[in-house]
Protein backbone atom coordinates (compact mmCIF):
# COMPACT_ATOMS: atom_id res chain seq x y z
CA MET A 1 -8.14 -4.77 21.48
CA ILE A 2 -6.65 -5.56 18.43
CA ASP A 3 -5.29 -2.23 17.88
CA GLU A 4 -3.87 -1.89 21.38
CA VAL A 5 -2.00 -5.03 20.54
CA PHE A 6 -0.62 -4.14 17.33
CA ASP A 7 0.52 -0.68 18.76
CA ARG A 8 2.68 -2.88 22.03
CA LEU A 9 4.00 -5.10 19.43
CA VAL A 10 5.77 -1.51 17.47
CA ASP A 11 7.03 -0.39 20.62
CA GLN A 12 8.19 -3.30 21.83
CA ALA A 13 9.90 -4.34 18.35
CA TRP A 14 11.48 -0.69 18.22
CA PRO A 15 13.00 0.03 21.79
CA ALA A 16 13.38 3.88 22.58
CA LEU A 17 16.65 4.82 24.57
CA GLN A 18 14.17 6.40 27.20
CA ARG A 19 10.83 5.70 28.06
CA VAL A 20 8.59 7.22 31.21
CA ASP A 21 5.86 5.77 32.21
CA THR A 22 3.33 8.45 33.02
CA GLY A 23 0.80 5.66 34.78
CA CYS A 24 -1.27 5.90 31.13
CA TRP A 25 0.95 6.98 28.67
CA THR A 26 4.53 5.98 27.53
CA LEU A 27 6.78 8.93 26.54
CA ARG A 28 9.21 7.83 24.90
CA ALA A 29 12.86 9.39 23.83
CA ALA A 30 15.97 8.38 21.39
CA ASN A 31 17.88 11.74 20.83
CA GLY A 32 15.34 12.55 18.23
CA VAL A 33 15.92 9.58 15.36
CA THR A 34 12.80 8.35 14.29
CA LYS A 35 9.45 9.08 15.08
CA ARG A 36 8.65 6.66 16.26
CA ALA A 37 10.76 6.43 19.10
CA ASN A 38 10.28 10.01 19.44
CA SER A 39 6.75 10.00 20.48
CA VAL A 40 3.75 9.13 22.87
CA LEU A 41 2.11 5.72 23.36
CA PRO A 42 -1.12 7.03 24.39
CA LEU A 43 -2.57 3.70 25.47
CA GLY A 44 -4.97 4.29 28.45
CA GLU A 45 -7.26 7.09 29.15
CA PRO A 46 -5.74 10.16 31.41
CA GLU A 47 -7.93 11.75 34.60
CA ASP A 48 -7.21 14.76 32.86
CA LEU A 49 -6.32 14.41 29.42
CA GLU A 50 -5.10 18.14 28.91
CA ALA A 51 -3.00 17.56 31.58
CA ALA A 52 -1.71 14.92 30.40
CA VAL A 53 -0.76 16.75 26.91
CA GLU A 54 0.65 19.36 28.85
CA ARG A 55 3.06 17.02 30.61
CA ALA A 56 4.38 15.32 27.35
CA GLU A 57 4.63 18.52 25.50
CA LYS A 58 6.75 19.49 28.56
CA PHE A 59 9.05 16.17 28.19
CA TYR A 60 10.00 16.98 24.84
CA ALA A 61 10.35 20.71 25.06
CA ASP A 62 12.66 19.33 27.92
CA ARG A 63 14.88 17.08 25.39
CA GLY A 64 14.30 19.58 22.03
CA LEU A 65 12.60 17.67 20.84
CA PRO A 66 9.10 18.75 19.10
CA CYS A 67 5.89 16.76 20.68
CA VAL A 68 4.56 13.84 18.75
CA PHE A 69 1.87 11.56 19.14
CA SER A 70 1.31 7.75 17.68
CA VAL A 71 -2.09 7.56 17.39
CA GLY A 72 -3.53 4.37 16.28
CA GLY A 73 -7.45 2.51 17.38
CA GLY A 74 -5.80 2.13 20.86
CA ALA A 75 -5.17 5.51 21.46
CA THR A 76 -6.83 7.18 24.34
CA PRO A 77 -10.53 8.16 22.93
CA GLY A 78 -10.79 11.64 22.22
CA LEU A 79 -7.14 12.63 21.64
CA ASP A 80 -7.17 12.95 17.97
CA ALA A 81 -9.50 15.83 18.39
CA ALA A 82 -7.87 17.17 21.21
CA LEU A 83 -4.71 17.19 19.63
CA GLU A 84 -6.10 18.73 15.80
CA ALA A 85 -7.90 21.76 18.13
CA ARG A 86 -3.81 22.36 19.76
CA GLY A 87 -2.90 22.49 16.14
CA TYR A 88 -1.02 19.22 15.93
CA GLY A 89 -0.51 18.30 11.84
CA VAL A 90 -0.93 14.73 10.69
CA MET A 91 2.06 12.99 9.55
CA ASP A 92 2.90 9.75 8.20
CA PRO A 93 -0.69 7.54 7.74
CA THR A 94 0.56 4.33 7.96
CA LEU A 95 -0.96 1.48 7.61
CA ILE A 96 -0.65 -2.23 9.81
CA MET A 97 -0.39 -5.58 7.38
CA THR A 98 -0.61 -9.07 8.73
CA ALA A 99 -0.18 -12.67 6.53
CA ARG A 100 -0.79 -15.98 7.79
CA LEU A 101 2.75 -18.07 7.48
CA VAL A 102 2.07 -20.79 4.50
CA PRO A 103 4.25 -23.79 4.42
CA GLU A 104 7.62 -23.33 3.80
CA GLY A 105 9.01 -22.73 -0.15
CA GLU A 106 12.56 -23.20 -1.25
CA PRO A 107 15.06 -21.12 0.41
CA GLU A 108 15.82 -17.82 -1.56
CA GLU A 109 19.67 -17.95 -2.43
CA GLY A 110 21.96 -15.15 -1.71
CA VAL A 111 20.28 -13.95 1.33
CA GLU A 112 22.42 -13.87 4.71
CA LEU A 113 20.70 -13.61 7.85
CA ALA A 114 22.65 -12.46 11.07
CA GLU A 115 22.06 -11.82 14.62
CA THR A 116 23.53 -8.70 14.90
CA PRO A 117 23.30 -5.90 12.12
CA SER A 118 27.11 -5.71 10.31
CA PRO A 119 28.68 -2.12 8.98
CA ALA A 120 27.30 -2.94 5.79
CA TRP A 121 23.93 -3.56 6.64
CA LEU A 122 23.56 -0.56 8.47
CA ASP A 123 25.06 1.61 5.68
CA ALA A 124 22.61 -0.17 3.35
CA TRP A 125 19.87 0.61 5.48
CA TRP A 126 21.22 4.02 6.31
CA SER A 127 21.11 5.14 2.67
CA VAL A 128 17.56 4.52 1.78
CA ASP A 129 16.09 5.39 5.52
CA GLY A 130 18.27 7.66 6.81
CA ARG A 131 16.94 11.07 7.59
CA PHE A 132 19.06 12.72 10.77
CA GLY A 133 22.61 13.87 10.92
CA GLY A 134 24.55 13.86 13.72
CA ASP A 135 24.98 10.52 15.57
CA GLY A 136 21.74 9.58 13.77
CA LEU A 137 23.18 6.30 12.83
CA PRO A 138 24.75 4.92 16.10
CA THR A 139 21.93 6.12 17.94
CA ALA A 140 19.35 4.03 15.31
CA ALA A 141 21.83 1.17 15.97
CA ARG A 142 21.17 1.29 19.46
CA ILE A 143 17.37 1.31 18.87
CA LEU A 144 17.77 -1.99 16.27
CA THR A 145 19.94 -3.88 18.49
CA GLY A 146 17.57 -3.13 21.49
CA VAL A 147 16.07 -6.63 21.14
CA PRO A 148 16.80 -10.14 20.02
CA ALA A 149 16.30 -9.72 15.71
CA VAL A 150 17.41 -11.18 13.14
CA TYR A 151 19.30 -9.17 10.17
CA ALA A 152 18.86 -10.32 6.15
CA SER A 153 21.02 -8.74 3.86
CA LEU A 154 21.33 -9.48 0.15
CA GLY A 155 25.14 -7.92 -0.47
CA ARG A 156 24.88 -4.24 -0.19
CA GLU A 157 21.48 -4.17 -2.13
CA ALA A 158 18.63 -4.96 0.31
CA VAL A 159 17.97 -5.33 3.60
CA GLY A 160 15.53 -6.21 6.25
CA ARG A 161 15.05 -6.82 10.07
CA GLY A 162 12.68 -9.14 11.85
CA VAL A 163 11.80 -9.62 15.73
CA VAL A 164 10.04 -12.88 17.00
CA GLN A 165 7.28 -12.04 19.84
CA GLY A 166 5.72 -15.12 20.63
CA GLU A 167 3.12 -16.11 17.63
CA TRP A 168 3.94 -12.78 15.87
CA PHE A 169 7.21 -11.74 13.88
CA GLY A 170 7.60 -8.09 12.73
CA ILE A 171 8.99 -7.09 9.56
CA TYR A 172 10.81 -3.62 10.24
CA SER A 173 13.89 -1.80 8.23
CA MET A 174 12.85 -3.25 4.58
CA ALA A 175 15.06 -1.28 2.60
CA VAL A 176 16.84 -1.80 -1.33
CA THR A 177 19.29 0.74 -2.55
CA PRO A 178 18.40 2.92 -5.51
CA LEU A 179 20.31 1.15 -8.21
CA ALA A 180 18.93 -1.76 -7.13
CA ARG A 181 15.49 -1.57 -6.93
CA ARG A 182 13.21 -3.36 -9.09
CA ARG A 183 14.97 -6.39 -9.58
CA GLY A 184 13.60 -8.86 -6.81
CA HIS A 185 15.55 -8.15 -4.32
CA GLY A 186 12.86 -6.96 -1.70
CA ARG A 187 10.87 -9.76 -2.70
CA LYS A 188 13.92 -12.26 -1.68
CA VAL A 189 14.96 -10.62 1.39
CA LEU A 190 11.70 -10.62 2.59
CA SER A 191 10.61 -14.14 1.64
CA ALA A 192 13.83 -15.73 3.43
CA LEU A 193 12.70 -12.93 6.50
CA LEU A 194 9.89 -15.28 7.06
CA SER A 195 11.00 -18.53 5.94
CA HIS A 196 13.06 -17.94 9.17
CA ALA A 197 9.97 -17.11 11.03
CA ARG A 198 8.49 -20.08 10.06
CA ALA A 199 11.76 -21.48 11.42
CA GLN A 200 11.02 -20.43 14.77
CA GLY A 201 7.71 -21.58 14.99
CA THR A 202 5.75 -18.21 14.84
CA GLN A 203 2.59 -18.99 13.23
CA ARG A 204 1.93 -14.83 11.81
CA ALA A 205 4.06 -12.14 10.37
CA TYR A 206 3.13 -8.45 10.70
CA LEU A 207 4.42 -4.99 9.27
CA VAL A 208 4.05 -1.14 9.04
CA VAL A 209 3.94 0.34 5.72
CA VAL A 210 3.71 4.53 5.30
CA GLU A 211 0.48 4.20 2.96
CA SER A 212 1.69 6.52 0.29
CA ASN A 213 4.10 4.00 -0.41
CA THR A 214 2.86 1.67 -2.65
CA ALA A 215 5.46 -0.06 -4.14
CA ALA A 216 6.52 -1.27 -1.04
CA ARG A 217 2.76 -1.97 -0.08
CA THR A 218 2.54 -4.18 -3.42
CA LEU A 219 5.31 -5.94 -2.66
CA TYR A 220 3.82 -7.12 0.36
CA GLU A 221 -0.01 -7.64 -1.20
CA ARG A 222 1.68 -10.43 -3.36
CA GLN A 223 3.56 -11.99 -0.08
CA GLY A 224 0.06 -12.20 1.37
CA PHE A 225 -0.54 -9.22 3.33
CA THR A 226 -3.54 -7.67 4.18
CA VAL A 227 -4.03 -4.17 6.13
CA VAL A 228 -6.07 -4.62 9.48
CA GLY A 229 -5.67 -1.29 11.06
CA ARG A 230 -3.73 1.74 10.68
CA TYR A 231 -2.18 4.85 12.86
CA HIS A 232 -0.78 8.34 12.52
CA TYR A 233 1.62 10.78 14.26
CA ARG A 234 0.30 14.51 15.23
CA VAL A 235 3.45 16.36 15.54
CA ARG A 236 3.20 20.53 16.39
């Protein structure tokens, strides 16, 4: 199932610090930093759906975290309706977009690629995407570096992250600082990451973007990305 393929790719590229496999579902936690790393990945069909939900709720309650489910096309049948009946609301409807990698063009000038995120890279990304206080950034850095990745930066103004996953190349953490927007920086970072992907022999790229982020969607569409799936979070 293609939807489940992307569920697993995203899970692998954004690894939670703690993972518990219940046999069908994976319970993920990372000090509450990002919903993706602190949510249930509900693939497969448990024998007792209600009991499985209750185990997940206890897992997160024991950690002082809200119970969150990532519900995509590969999710357990009937789960979305069951969660709605239990009072879970929908949050962040998200699109999965893919593109075939076209022959390489001219390299983007000024974009640096590194195997680890520098303090400047982290600061730029966190200034745009950081929504957590306390030790949020250190925890996020542990998530980012949990798998090999490449980190692209255009000075301190725009950054992005790419993960080679077999034939796929995942694009993550695209961020342009507020004062640097509408100057083509996001396009340059994305182009540099795609060039790197081609050099690694990957054939296709994917990314996920919140459906309401029209500016990002426009950038990705202009680079040849099209929507192939979607998911959302259920939160209570």
